[in-house]
């Protein structure tokens, strides 16, 4: 997630440079052919503008829908922050004679393991995501090691060796960790450390965590409908392919303007439409590790710090710092 006030102009240009370069080259070819052949390439602008309006409406719908996915993802992880603090506070508030401190610590540690495991699961690549090159995190080098060390390197300090070995046998590790929490609470209830009422209350908290996990998985595992993403791209190509012909019609009829102005104006319009399409494209998948994703690593680290401080731990990790204007 970019956290400065604005992307710089040159960052925006670098991010979308290919659409600008191709727009310039395509417009240049059209005008060059017009210059050397004198074939009347121009088309009336009116029908092209109607297509442009339709494309603009479609891109607006696509971008709004994509933004909804990103904003929903941020709300889900905001709820995870709240539920994590509630869970830890609720566990620690139980009297020590009712639940020993070591049992409380074990439950909170397992919750942190769940949190970190869910973060890594959300970073798994999907076929519909951009799946950038191996060095895709070069804009935030501090996160590269965490990303490629994987899930078990982070959670091993919060669960026992036996539990870690058992977790490695399952495909959905966060779900297994919440199941283990429920079994542990049931065991403490049987041993008389947790009353029936408090057992129900803790299970309700675990249920909310399951809900947050499921909502997060829904966004991760269900892509923005490909028909909308694909149609938006192809109609943008069609419209942009027609732009130089329409502008040529305008400029060649003007005594004050020259038809060579078709090149810069066409390039700017083409670039604008493709930038808008790309913004929506990169907002569809808020967990893929891109420039504008929800910063679940930073959110997870903030929760980790909060809960370890509640436990009175001495070795507490530092919060992630902004790198090149980004948080991950």
C-alpha atoms as a PDB file:
ATOM      1  CA  UNK A   1       0.000   0.000   0.000  1.00  0.00           C
ATOM      2  CA  UNK A   2       1.336   3.405  -0.979  1.00  0.00           C
ATOM      3  CA  UNK A   3       1.172   5.741   2.015  1.00  0.00           C
ATOM      4  CA  UNK A   4       2.465   9.064   0.729  1.00  0.00           C
ATOM      5  CA  UNK A   5      -0.009  11.751  -0.243  1.00  0.00           C
ATOM      6  CA  UNK A   6       0.317  11.225  -3.994  1.00  0.00           C
ATOM      7  CA  UNK A   7       2.130   9.027  -6.433  1.00  0.00           C
ATOM      8  CA  UNK A   8       4.627  11.261  -8.190  1.00  0.00           C
ATOM      9  CA  UNK A   9       3.973  12.082 -11.822  1.00  0.00           C
ATOM     10  CA  UNK A  10       6.994  10.057 -12.949  1.00  0.00           C
ATOM     11  CA  UNK A  11       5.973   7.051 -10.851  1.00  0.00           C
ATOM     12  CA  UNK A  12       2.616   7.142 -12.618  1.00  0.00           C
ATOM     13  CA  UNK A  13       4.306   7.407 -15.992  1.00  0.00           C
ATOM     14  CA  UNK A  14       6.669   4.508 -15.242  1.00  0.00           C
ATOM     15  CA  UNK A  15       3.775   2.348 -14.048  1.00  0.00           C
ATOM     16  CA  UNK A  16       1.820   2.973 -17.263  1.00  0.00           C
ATOM     17  CA  UNK A  17       4.604   3.739 -19.714  1.00  0.00           C
ATOM     18  CA  UNK A  18       3.792   0.976 -22.191  1.00  0.00           C
ATOM     19  CA  UNK A  19       0.296   2.249 -22.947  1.00  0.00           C
ATOM     20  CA  UNK A  20       1.758   5.710 -23.548  1.00  0.00           C
ATOM     21  CA  UNK A  21       4.574   4.394 -25.754  1.00  0.00           C
ATOM     22  CA  UNK A  22       2.230   2.191 -27.772  1.00  0.00           C
ATOM     23  CA  UNK A  23      -0.231   5.068 -28.109  1.00  0.00           C
ATOM     24  CA  UNK A  24       2.476   7.317 -29.532  1.00  0.00           C
ATOM     25  CA  UNK A  25       3.762   4.641 -31.924  1.00  0.00           C
ATOM     26  CA  UNK A  26       0.287   3.661 -33.118  1.00  0.00           C
ATOM     27  CA  UNK A  27      -0.755   7.279 -33.742  1.00  0.00           C
ATOM     28  CA  UNK A  28       2.541   7.956 -35.487  1.00  0.00           C
ATOM     29  CA  UNK A  29       2.009   5.024 -37.860  1.00  0.00           C
ATOM     30  CA  UNK A  30      -1.509   6.194 -38.740  1.00  0.00           C
ATOM     31  CA  UNK A  31      -0.412   9.759 -39.479  1.00  0.00           C
ATOM     32  CA  UNK A  32       2.702   8.627 -41.338  1.00  0.00           C
ATOM     33  CA  UNK A  33       0.602   6.419 -43.624  1.00  0.00           C
ATOM     34  CA  UNK A  34      -1.810   9.290 -44.137  1.00  0.00           C
ATOM     35  CA  UNK A  35       1.089  11.577 -45.046  1.00  0.00           C
ATOM     36  CA  UNK A  36       2.676   9.306 -47.633  1.00  0.00           C
ATOM     37  CA  UNK A  37      -0.451   7.759 -49.187  1.00  0.00           C
ATOM     38  CA  UNK A  38      -3.005  10.605 -48.989  1.00  0.00           C
ATOM     39  CA  UNK A  39      -5.662   7.978 -48.397  1.00  0.00           C
ATOM     40  CA  UNK A  40      -8.567   9.565 -46.456  1.00  0.00           C
ATOM     41  CA  UNK A  41      -8.108   7.744 -43.140  1.00  0.00           C
ATOM     42  CA  UNK A  42     -10.303  10.075 -41.141  1.00  0.00           C
ATOM     43  CA  UNK A  43     -13.582   8.963 -39.580  1.00  0.00           C
ATOM     44  CA  UNK A  44     -16.339  11.177 -38.172  1.00  0.00           C
ATOM     45  CA  UNK A  45     -15.720  11.799 -34.478  1.00  0.00           C
ATOM     46  CA  UNK A  46     -19.382  11.586 -33.398  1.00  0.00           C
ATOM     47  CA  UNK A  47     -19.837   7.773 -33.532  1.00  0.00           C
ATOM     48  CA  UNK A  48     -16.383   7.297 -31.991  1.00  0.00           C
ATOM     49  CA  UNK A  49     -17.333   9.595 -29.121  1.00  0.00           C
ATOM     50  CA  UNK A  50     -20.468   7.514 -28.501  1.00  0.00           C
ATOM     51  CA  UNK A  51     -18.260   4.431 -28.163  1.00  0.00           C
ATOM     52  CA  UNK A  52     -16.003   6.416 -25.817  1.00  0.00           C
ATOM     53  CA  UNK A  53     -18.929   7.284 -23.565  1.00  0.00           C
ATOM     54  CA  UNK A  54     -19.919   3.622 -23.370  1.00  0.00           C
ATOM     55  CA  UNK A  55     -16.319   2.635 -22.571  1.00  0.00           C
ATOM     56  CA  UNK A  56     -16.082   5.308 -19.884  1.00  0.00           C
ATOM     57  CA  UNK A  57     -19.281   4.075 -18.205  1.00  0.00           C
ATOM     58  CA  UNK A  58     -18.058   0.480 -18.316  1.00  0.00           C
ATOM     59  CA  UNK A  59     -14.656   1.365 -16.882  1.00  0.00           C
ATOM     60  CA  UNK A  60     -16.381   3.358 -14.156  1.00  0.00           C
ATOM     61  CA  UNK A  61     -18.455   0.315 -13.213  1.00  0.00           C
ATOM     62  CA  UNK A  62     -15.389  -1.932 -13.290  1.00  0.00           C
ATOM     63  CA  UNK A  63     -13.320   0.405 -11.125  1.00  0.00           C
ATOM     64  CA  UNK A  64     -16.116   0.891  -8.595  1.00  0.00           C
ATOM     65  CA  UNK A  65     -16.536  -2.868  -8.299  1.00  0.00           C
ATOM     66  CA  UNK A  66     -12.787  -3.375  -7.954  1.00  0.00           C
ATOM     67  CA  UNK A  67     -12.552  -0.702  -5.287  1.00  0.00           C
ATOM     68  CA  UNK A  68     -15.385  -2.369  -3.383  1.00  0.00           C
ATOM     69  CA  UNK A  69     -13.301  -5.554  -3.192  1.00  0.00           C
ATOM     70  CA  UNK A  70     -10.296  -3.658  -1.835  1.00  0.00           C
ATOM     71  CA  UNK A  71     -12.356  -1.690   0.664  1.00  0.00           C
ATOM     72  CA  UNK A  72     -14.179  -4.792   1.865  1.00  0.00           C
ATOM     73  CA  UNK A  73     -10.820  -6.509   2.372  1.00  0.00           C
ATOM     74  CA  UNK A  74      -9.636  -3.588   4.486  1.00  0.00           C
ATOM     75  CA  UNK A  75     -12.806  -3.707   6.593  1.00  0.00           C
ATOM     76  CA  UNK A  76     -12.369  -7.445   7.149  1.00  0.00           C
ATOM     77  CA  UNK A  77      -8.827  -6.987   8.398  1.00  0.00           C
ATOM     78  CA  UNK A  78      -9.948  -4.068  10.513  1.00  0.00           C
ATOM     79  CA  UNK A  79     -12.439  -6.451  12.128  1.00  0.00           C
ATOM     80  CA  UNK A  80      -9.613  -8.963  12.662  1.00  0.00           C
ATOM     81  CA  UNK A  81      -7.721  -6.251  14.561  1.00  0.00           C
ATOM     82  CA  UNK A  82     -10.719  -5.654  16.820  1.00  0.00           C
ATOM     83  CA  UNK A  83     -11.516  -9.325  17.383  1.00  0.00           C
ATOM     84  CA  UNK A  84      -7.866 -10.139  18.111  1.00  0.00           C
ATOM     85  CA  UNK A  85      -7.678  -7.511  20.834  1.00  0.00           C
ATOM     86  CA  UNK A  86     -11.027  -8.623  22.219  1.00  0.00           C
ATOM     87  CA  UNK A  87      -9.925 -12.264  22.266  1.00  0.00           C
ATOM     88  CA  UNK A  88      -6.632 -11.522  24.043  1.00  0.00           C
ATOM     89  CA  UNK A  89      -8.232  -9.169  26.553  1.00  0.00           C
ATOM     90  CA  UNK A  90     -10.995 -11.672  27.257  1.00  0.00           C
ATOM     91  CA  UNK A  91      -8.542 -14.502  27.862  1.00  0.00           C
ATOM     92  CA  UNK A  92      -6.255 -12.406  30.067  1.00  0.00           C
ATOM     93  CA  UNK A  93      -9.188 -11.083  32.097  1.00  0.00           C
ATOM     94  CA  UNK A  94      -9.993 -14.583  33.378  1.00  0.00           C
ATOM     95  CA  UNK A  95      -8.785 -15.010  36.993  1.00  0.00           C
ATOM     96  CA  UNK A  96      -5.492 -16.893  37.324  1.00  0.00           C
ATOM     97  CA  UNK A  97      -7.090 -19.364  39.720  1.00  0.00           C
ATOM     98  CA  UNK A  98      -9.649 -20.098  36.988  1.00  0.00           C
ATOM     99  CA  UNK A  99      -7.126 -20.366  34.142  1.00  0.00           C
ATOM    100  CA  UNK A 100      -3.352 -20.503  34.702  1.00  0.00           C
ATOM    101  CA  UNK A 101      -1.291 -17.812  32.973  1.00  0.00           C
ATOM    102  CA  UNK A 102       0.585 -20.399  30.895  1.00  0.00           C
ATOM    103  CA  UNK A 103      -2.713 -21.625  29.478  1.00  0.00           C
ATOM    104  CA  UNK A 104      -3.682 -18.052  28.630  1.00  0.00           C
ATOM    105  CA  UNK A 105      -0.330 -17.491  26.963  1.00  0.00           C
ATOM    106  CA  UNK A 106      -0.691 -20.681  24.924  1.00  0.00           C
ATOM    107  CA  UNK A 107      -4.099 -19.599  23.632  1.00  0.00           C
ATOM    108  CA  UNK A 108      -2.887 -16.124  22.686  1.00  0.00           C
ATOM    109  CA  UNK A 109       0.216 -17.558  21.041  1.00  0.00           C
ATOM    110  CA  UNK A 110      -1.933 -19.891  18.980  1.00  0.00           C
ATOM    111  CA  UNK A 111      -4.086 -16.940  17.983  1.00  0.00           C
ATOM    112  CA  UNK A 112      -0.977 -15.157  16.726  1.00  0.00           C
ATOM    113  CA  UNK A 113      -0.060 -18.291  14.772  1.00  0.00           C
ATOM    114  CA  UNK A 114      -3.542 -18.219  13.204  1.00  0.00           C
ATOM    115  CA  UNK A 115      -3.140 -14.561  12.286  1.00  0.00           C
ATOM    116  CA  UNK A 116       0.257 -15.035  10.649  1.00  0.00           C
ATOM    117  CA  UNK A 117      -0.871 -18.201   8.887  1.00  0.00           C
ATOM    118  CA  UNK A 118      -3.895 -16.409   7.448  1.00  0.00           C
ATOM    119  CA  UNK A 119      -1.643 -13.599   6.227  1.00  0.00           C
ATOM    120  CA  UNK A 120       0.534 -16.075   4.311  1.00  0.00           C
ATOM    121  CA  UNK A 121      -2.467 -17.923   2.884  1.00  0.00           C
ATOM    122  CA  UNK A 122      -3.773 -14.618   1.554  1.00  0.00           C
ATOM    123  CA  UNK A 123      -0.448 -14.104  -0.240  1.00  0.00           C
ATOM    124  CA  UNK A 124      -0.677 -17.393  -2.163  1.00  0.00           C
ATOM    125  CA  UNK A 125      -0.733 -16.808  -5.903  1.00  0.00           C
ATOM    126  CA  UNK A 126      -3.849 -17.417  -7.995  1.00  0.00           C
ATOM    127  CA  UNK A 127      -4.041 -17.936 -11.734  1.00  0.00           C
ATOM    128  CA  UNK A 128      -6.125 -14.797 -12.261  1.00  0.00           C
ATOM    129  CA  UNK A 129      -3.733 -12.566 -10.308  1.00  0.00           C
ATOM    130  CA  UNK A 130      -0.815 -10.737 -11.863  1.00  0.00           C
ATOM    131  CA  UNK A 131       1.787 -13.132 -10.397  1.00  0.00           C
ATOM    132  CA  UNK A 132       4.635 -10.721 -10.878  1.00  0.00           C
ATOM    133  CA  UNK A 133       8.247 -11.929 -11.190  1.00  0.00           C
ATOM    134  CA  UNK A 134      10.160 -13.415  -8.274  1.00  0.00           C
ATOM    135  CA  UNK A 135      11.491  -9.986  -7.358  1.00  0.00           C
ATOM    136  CA  UNK A 136       7.998  -8.499  -7.311  1.00  0.00           C
ATOM    137  CA  UNK A 137       8.626  -7.073  -3.833  1.00  0.00           C
ATOM    138  CA  UNK A 138      11.726  -5.146  -4.878  1.00  0.00           C
ATOM    139  CA  UNK A 139       9.912  -1.921  -4.040  1.00  0.00           C
ATOM    140  CA  UNK A 140       9.767  -3.082  -0.385  1.00  0.00           C
ATOM    141  CA  UNK A 141      12.933  -5.145   0.138  1.00  0.00           C
ATOM    142  CA  UNK A 142      12.324  -5.517   3.877  1.00  0.00           C
ATOM    143  CA  UNK A 143       9.393  -7.851   3.187  1.00  0.00           C
ATOM    144  CA  UNK A 144      11.119 -10.171   0.734  1.00  0.00           C
ATOM    145  CA  UNK A 145      12.559 -12.506   3.366  1.00  0.00           C
ATOM    146  CA  UNK A 146       9.225 -12.852   5.176  1.00  0.00           C
ATOM    147  CA  UNK A 147       7.441 -13.527   1.903  1.00  0.00           C
ATOM    148  CA  UNK A 148       9.770 -16.278   0.730  1.00  0.00           C
ATOM    149  CA  UNK A 149      10.521 -17.864   4.118  1.00  0.00           C
ATOM    150  CA  UNK A 150       6.887 -18.918   4.165  1.00  0.00           C
ATOM    151  CA  UNK A 151       4.238 -19.668   6.714  1.00  0.00           C
ATOM    152  CA  UNK A 152       5.988 -22.139   9.014  1.00  0.00           C
ATOM    153  CA  UNK A 153       9.038 -19.948   9.599  1.00  0.00           C
ATOM    154  CA  UNK A 154       6.761 -17.373  11.210  1.00  0.00           C
ATOM    155  CA  UNK A 155       4.364 -19.525  13.212  1.00  0.00           C
ATOM    156  CA  UNK A 156       6.861 -22.022  14.647  1.00  0.00           C
ATOM    157  CA  UNK A 157       7.615 -19.736  17.592  1.00  0.00           C
ATOM    158  CA  UNK A 158       3.950 -19.674  18.618  1.00  0.00           C
ATOM    159  CA  UNK A 159       3.031 -23.364  18.522  1.00  0.00           C
ATOM    160  CA  UNK A 160       4.627 -26.512  19.869  1.00  0.00           C
ATOM    161  CA  UNK A 161       6.726 -28.781  17.660  1.00  0.00           C
ATOM    162  CA  UNK A 162       4.035 -31.479  17.858  1.00  0.00           C
ATOM    163  CA  UNK A 163       1.289 -29.105  16.786  1.00  0.00           C
ATOM    164  CA  UNK A 164       3.453 -27.670  14.014  1.00  0.00           C
ATOM    165  CA  UNK A 165       4.151 -31.146  12.649  1.00  0.00           C
ATOM    166  CA  UNK A 166       0.425 -31.918  12.685  1.00  0.00           C
ATOM    167  CA  UNK A 167      -0.415 -28.624  10.948  1.00  0.00           C
ATOM    168  CA  UNK A 168       1.909 -29.471   8.063  1.00  0.00           C
ATOM    169  CA  UNK A 169      -0.404 -32.359   7.159  1.00  0.00           C
ATOM    170  CA  UNK A 170      -3.351 -30.046   6.410  1.00  0.00           C
ATOM    171  CA  UNK A 171      -4.180 -27.771   3.505  1.00  0.00           C
ATOM    172  CA  UNK A 172      -5.993 -25.034   5.467  1.00  0.00           C
ATOM    173  CA  UNK A 173      -3.689 -24.237   8.371  1.00  0.00           C
ATOM    174  CA  UNK A 174      -5.640 -21.231   9.753  1.00  0.00           C
ATOM    175  CA  UNK A 175      -8.798 -23.332  10.050  1.00  0.00           C
ATOM    176  CA  UNK A 176      -6.878 -26.080  11.846  1.00  0.00           C
ATOM    177  CA  UNK A 177      -5.453 -23.566  14.303  1.00  0.00           C
ATOM    178  CA  UNK A 178      -8.919 -22.274  15.173  1.00  0.00           C
ATOM    179  CA  UNK A 179     -10.095 -25.863  15.564  1.00  0.00           C
ATOM    180  CA  UNK A 180      -7.207 -26.472  17.949  1.00  0.00           C
ATOM    181  CA  UNK A 181      -8.240 -23.394  19.907  1.00  0.00           C
ATOM    182  CA  UNK A 182     -11.742 -24.784  20.296  1.00  0.00           C
ATOM    183  CA  UNK A 183     -10.413 -28.178  21.403  1.00  0.00           C
ATOM    184  CA  UNK A 184      -8.109 -26.502  23.917  1.00  0.00           C
ATOM    185  CA  UNK A 185     -10.996 -24.497  25.381  1.00  0.00           C
ATOM    186  CA  UNK A 186     -13.037 -27.695  25.652  1.00  0.00           C
ATOM    187  CA  UNK A 187     -10.156 -29.391  27.441  1.00  0.00           C
ATOM    188  CA  UNK A 188      -9.819 -26.489  29.893  1.00  0.00           C
ATOM    189  CA  UNK A 189     -13.561 -26.658  30.506  1.00  0.00           C
ATOM    190  CA  UNK A 190     -13.343 -30.359  31.342  1.00  0.00           C
ATOM    191  CA  UNK A 191     -10.451 -29.650  33.701  1.00  0.00           C
ATOM    192  CA  UNK A 192     -12.525 -27.007  35.463  1.00  0.00           C
ATOM    193  CA  UNK A 193     -10.464 -23.999  34.395  1.00  0.00           C
ATOM    194  CA  UNK A 194     -13.199 -22.488  32.198  1.00  0.00           C
ATOM    195  CA  UNK A 195     -16.873 -22.357  33.136  1.00  0.00           C
ATOM    196  CA  UNK A 196     -19.582 -23.375  30.673  1.00  0.00           C
ATOM    197  CA  UNK A 197     -20.679 -19.760  30.205  1.00  0.00           C
ATOM    198  CA  UNK A 198     -17.167 -18.547  29.472  1.00  0.00           C
ATOM    199  CA  UNK A 199     -16.567 -21.498  27.175  1.00  0.00           C
ATOM    200  CA  UNK A 200     -19.570 -20.423  25.104  1.00  0.00           C
ATOM    201  CA  UNK A 201     -18.353 -16.826  25.123  1.00  0.00           C
ATOM    202  CA  UNK A 202     -14.864 -17.790  23.925  1.00  0.00           C
ATOM    203  CA  UNK A 203     -16.358 -20.024  21.222  1.00  0.00           C
ATOM    204  CA  UNK A 204     -18.357 -17.038  20.014  1.00  0.00           C
ATOM    205  CA  UNK A 205     -15.117 -15.097  19.648  1.00  0.00           C
ATOM    206  CA  UNK A 206     -13.557 -17.987  17.738  1.00  0.00           C
ATOM    207  CA  UNK A 207     -16.676 -18.083  15.548  1.00  0.00           C
ATOM    208  CA  UNK A 208     -16.146 -14.430  14.666  1.00  0.00           C
ATOM    209  CA  UNK A 209     -12.568 -15.197  13.698  1.00  0.00           C
ATOM    210  CA  UNK A 210     -13.813 -18.013  11.461  1.00  0.00           C
ATOM    211  CA  UNK A 211     -16.223 -15.523   9.891  1.00  0.00           C
ATOM    212  CA  UNK A 212     -13.455 -13.004   9.221  1.00  0.00           C
ATOM    213  CA  UNK A 213     -11.262 -15.735   7.765  1.00  0.00           C
ATOM    214  CA  UNK A 214     -14.067 -16.938   5.505  1.00  0.00           C
ATOM    215  CA  UNK A 215     -14.808 -13.418   4.268  1.00  0.00           C
ATOM    216  CA  UNK A 216     -11.127 -12.875   3.524  1.00  0.00           C
ATOM    217  CA  UNK A 217     -10.930 -16.207   1.695  1.00  0.00           C
ATOM    218  CA  UNK A 218     -14.001 -15.291  -0.335  1.00  0.00           C
ATOM    219  CA  UNK A 219     -12.235 -12.277  -1.817  1.00  0.00           C
ATOM    220  CA  UNK A 220      -8.992 -14.191  -2.302  1.00  0.00           C
ATOM    221  CA  UNK A 221     -10.487 -17.304  -3.877  1.00  0.00           C
ATOM    222  CA  UNK A 222     -13.233 -15.756  -5.994  1.00  0.00           C
ATOM    223  CA  UNK A 223     -11.891 -13.527  -8.782  1.00  0.00           C
ATOM    224  CA  UNK A 224     -13.509 -10.389 -10.081  1.00  0.00           C
ATOM    225  CA  UNK A 225     -15.740 -11.885 -12.826  1.00  0.00           C
ATOM    226  CA  UNK A 226     -13.549 -12.420 -15.849  1.00  0.00           C
ATOM    227  CA  UNK A 227     -16.260 -11.386 -18.286  1.00  0.00           C
ATOM    228  CA  UNK A 228     -16.244  -7.861 -16.860  1.00  0.00           C
ATOM    229  CA  UNK A 229     -12.451  -7.636 -16.725  1.00  0.00           C
ATOM    230  CA  UNK A 230     -12.051  -9.004 -20.255  1.00  0.00           C
ATOM    231  CA  UNK A 231     -14.839  -6.984 -21.863  1.00  0.00           C
ATOM    232  CA  UNK A 232     -13.521  -3.765 -20.349  1.00  0.00           C
ATOM    233  CA  UNK A 233     -10.079  -4.430 -21.804  1.00  0.00           C
ATOM    234  CA  UNK A 234     -11.244  -5.341 -25.313  1.00  0.00           C
ATOM    235  CA  UNK A 235     -13.680  -2.440 -25.744  1.00  0.00           C
ATOM    236  CA  UNK A 236     -10.936  -0.100 -24.548  1.00  0.00           C
ATOM    237  CA  UNK A 237      -8.680  -1.491 -27.282  1.00  0.00           C
ATOM    238  CA  UNK A 238     -11.417  -0.974 -29.893  1.00  0.00           C
ATOM    239  CA  UNK A 239     -12.111   2.589 -28.833  1.00  0.00           C
ATOM    240  CA  UNK A 240      -8.440   3.529 -28.602  1.00  0.00           C
ATOM    241  CA  UNK A 241      -7.781   2.029 -32.034  1.00  0.00           C
ATOM    242  CA  UNK A 242     -10.368   4.429 -33.497  1.00  0.00           C
ATOM    243  CA  UNK A 243      -9.165   7.575 -31.714  1.00  0.00           C
ATOM    244  CA  UNK A 244      -6.478   8.681 -34.234  1.00  0.00           C
ATOM    245  CA  UNK A 245      -8.964   8.376 -37.113  1.00  0.00           C
ATOM    246  CA  UNK A 246     -11.517  10.527 -35.323  1.00  0.00           C
ATOM    247  CA  UNK A 247      -9.030  13.200 -34.270  1.00  0.00           C
ATOM    248  CA  UNK A 248      -7.577  13.251 -37.764  1.00  0.00           C
ATOM    249  CA  UNK A 249     -11.041  14.174 -39.041  1.00  0.00           C
ATOM    250  CA  UNK A 250     -11.154  17.098 -36.589  1.00  0.00           C
ATOM    251  CA  UNK A 251      -7.646  18.419 -37.131  1.00  0.00           C
ATOM    252  CA  UNK A 252      -7.557  18.176 -40.914  1.00  0.00           C
ATOM    253  CA  UNK A 253     -10.725  20.281 -41.120  1.00  0.00           C
ATOM    254  CA  UNK A 254      -9.231  23.022 -38.947  1.00  0.00           C
ATOM    255  CA  UNK A 255      -7.318  25.862 -40.540  1.00  0.00           C
ATOM    256  CA  UNK A 256      -5.675  26.745 -37.216  1.00  0.00           C
ATOM    257  CA  UNK A 257      -4.506  23.214 -36.341  1.00  0.00           C
ATOM    258  CA  UNK A 258      -2.395  20.693 -38.216  1.00  0.00           C
ATOM    259  CA  UNK A 259      -3.257  17.014 -38.540  1.00  0.00           C
ATOM    260  CA  UNK A 260       0.119  16.072 -36.986  1.00  0.00           C
ATOM    261  CA  UNK A 261      -1.383  17.200 -33.665  1.00  0.00           C
ATOM    262  CA  UNK A 262      -3.356  13.956 -33.887  1.00  0.00           C
ATOM    263  CA  UNK A 263      -0.277  12.145 -32.517  1.00  0.00           C
ATOM    264  CA  UNK A 264       0.064  13.843 -29.099  1.00  0.00           C
ATOM    265  CA  UNK A 265      -3.671  14.160 -28.489  1.00  0.00           C
ATOM    266  CA  UNK A 266      -4.388  10.567 -29.489  1.00  0.00           C
ATOM    267  CA  UNK A 267      -1.528   9.346 -27.319  1.00  0.00           C
ATOM    268  CA  UNK A 268      -2.811  11.217 -24.273  1.00  0.00           C
ATOM    269  CA  UNK A 269      -6.378   9.919 -24.698  1.00  0.00           C
ATOM    270  CA  UNK A 270      -5.190   6.340 -25.270  1.00  0.00           C
ATOM    271  CA  UNK A 271      -2.922   6.543 -22.227  1.00  0.00           C
ATOM    272  CA  UNK A 272      -5.734   7.955 -20.075  1.00  0.00           C
ATOM    273  CA  UNK A 273      -8.181   5.179 -20.873  1.00  0.00           C
ATOM    274  CA  UNK A 274      -5.618   2.423 -20.374  1.00  0.00           C
ATOM    275  CA  UNK A 275      -4.476   3.944 -17.070  1.00  0.00           C
ATOM    276  CA  UNK A 276      -8.067   3.965 -15.811  1.00  0.00           C
ATOM    277  CA  UNK A 277      -8.478   0.347 -16.908  1.00  0.00           C
ATOM    278  CA  UNK A 278      -5.211  -0.634 -15.218  1.00  0.00           C
ATOM    279  CA  UNK A 279      -6.193   1.019 -11.935  1.00  0.00           C
ATOM    280  CA  UNK A 280      -9.283  -1.163 -11.803  1.00  0.00           C
ATOM    281  CA  UNK A 281      -7.264  -4.207 -12.858  1.00  0.00           C
ATOM    282  CA  UNK A 282      -4.808  -3.771  -9.980  1.00  0.00           C
ATOM    283  CA  UNK A 283      -7.576  -3.123  -7.435  1.00  0.00           C
ATOM    284  CA  UNK A 284      -9.360  -6.434  -8.059  1.00  0.00           C
ATOM    285  CA  UNK A 285      -7.033  -8.578  -5.946  1.00  0.00           C
ATOM    286  CA  UNK A 286      -6.188  -6.814  -2.666  1.00  0.00           C
ATOM    287  CA  UNK A 287      -3.992  -9.619  -1.275  1.00  0.00           C
ATOM    288  CA  UNK A 288      -1.590 -10.419  -4.142  1.00  0.00           C
ATOM    289  CA  UNK A 289       1.348  -8.368  -2.860  1.00  0.00           C
ATOM    290  CA  UNK A 290       1.108  -5.468  -5.300  1.00  0.00           C
ATOM    291  CA  UNK A 291       1.596  -1.739  -4.962  1.00  0.00           C
ATOM    292  CA  UNK A 292      -1.925  -0.939  -3.765  1.00  0.00           C
ATOM    293  CA  UNK A 293      -2.840  -4.010  -1.732  1.00  0.00           C
ATOM    294  CA  UNK A 294      -4.275  -4.037   1.768  1.00  0.00           C
ATOM    295  CA  UNK A 295      -1.148  -3.999   4.019  1.00  0.00           C
ATOM    296  CA  UNK A 296      -1.939  -7.227   5.855  1.00  0.00           C
ATOM    297  CA  UNK A 297       1.684  -7.768   6.874  1.00  0.00           C
ATOM    298  CA  UNK A 298       1.768  -4.422   8.669  1.00  0.00           C
ATOM    299  CA  UNK A 299      -1.672  -5.023  10.177  1.00  0.00           C
ATOM    300  CA  UNK A 300      -0.591  -8.464  11.399  1.00  0.00           C
ATOM    301  CA  UNK A 301       2.602  -7.070  12.914  1.00  0.00           C
ATOM    302  CA  UNK A 302       0.618  -4.349  14.721  1.00  0.00           C
ATOM    303  CA  UNK A 303      -1.686  -6.991  16.235  1.00  0.00           C
ATOM    304  CA  UNK A 304       1.320  -9.137  17.137  1.00  0.00           C
ATOM    305  CA  UNK A 305       2.904  -6.223  18.999  1.00  0.00           C
ATOM    306  CA  UNK A 306      -0.344  -5.408  20.829  1.00  0.00           C
ATOM    307  CA  UNK A 307      -0.906  -8.956  22.045  1.00  0.00           C
ATOM    308  CA  UNK A 308       2.698  -9.561  23.080  1.00  0.00           C
ATOM    309  CA  UNK A 309       2.656  -6.328  25.055  1.00  0.00           C
ATOM    310  CA  UNK A 310      -0.550  -7.483  26.749  1.00  0.00           C
ATOM    311  CA  UNK A 311       1.308 -10.649  27.769  1.00  0.00           C
ATOM    312  CA  UNK A 312       4.178  -8.594  29.141  1.00  0.00           C
ATOM    313  CA  UNK A 313       6.701 -10.116  26.744  1.00  0.00           C
ATOM    314  CA  UNK A 314      10.181  -8.620  26.534  1.00  0.00           C
ATOM    315  CA  UNK A 315      11.094  -9.690  23.006  1.00  0.00           C
ATOM    316  CA  UNK A 316       8.638  -7.800  20.853  1.00  0.00           C
ATOM    317  CA  UNK A 317       9.172  -7.353  17.112  1.00  0.00           C
ATOM    318  CA  UNK A 318       9.365  -3.864  15.705  1.00  0.00           C
ATOM    319  CA  UNK A 319       6.578  -2.502  13.565  1.00  0.00           C
ATOM    320  CA  UNK A 320       7.191  -2.487   9.845  1.00  0.00           C
ATOM    321  CA  UNK A 321       8.554   0.749   8.495  1.00  0.00           C
ATOM    322  CA  UNK A 322       7.583   2.537   5.312  1.00  0.00           C
ATOM    323  CA  UNK A 323       9.937   1.620   2.455  1.00  0.00           C
ATOM    324  CA  UNK A 324      10.016   3.785  -0.666  1.00  0.00           C
ATOM    325  CA  UNK A 325       6.603   5.081   0.300  1.00  0.00           C
ATOM    326  CA  UNK A 326       5.070   1.614   0.697  1.00  0.00           C
ATOM    327  CA  UNK A 327       3.757  -0.593   3.491  1.00  0.00           C
ATOM    328  CA  UNK A 328       3.030  -4.263   2.886  1.00  0.00           C
END
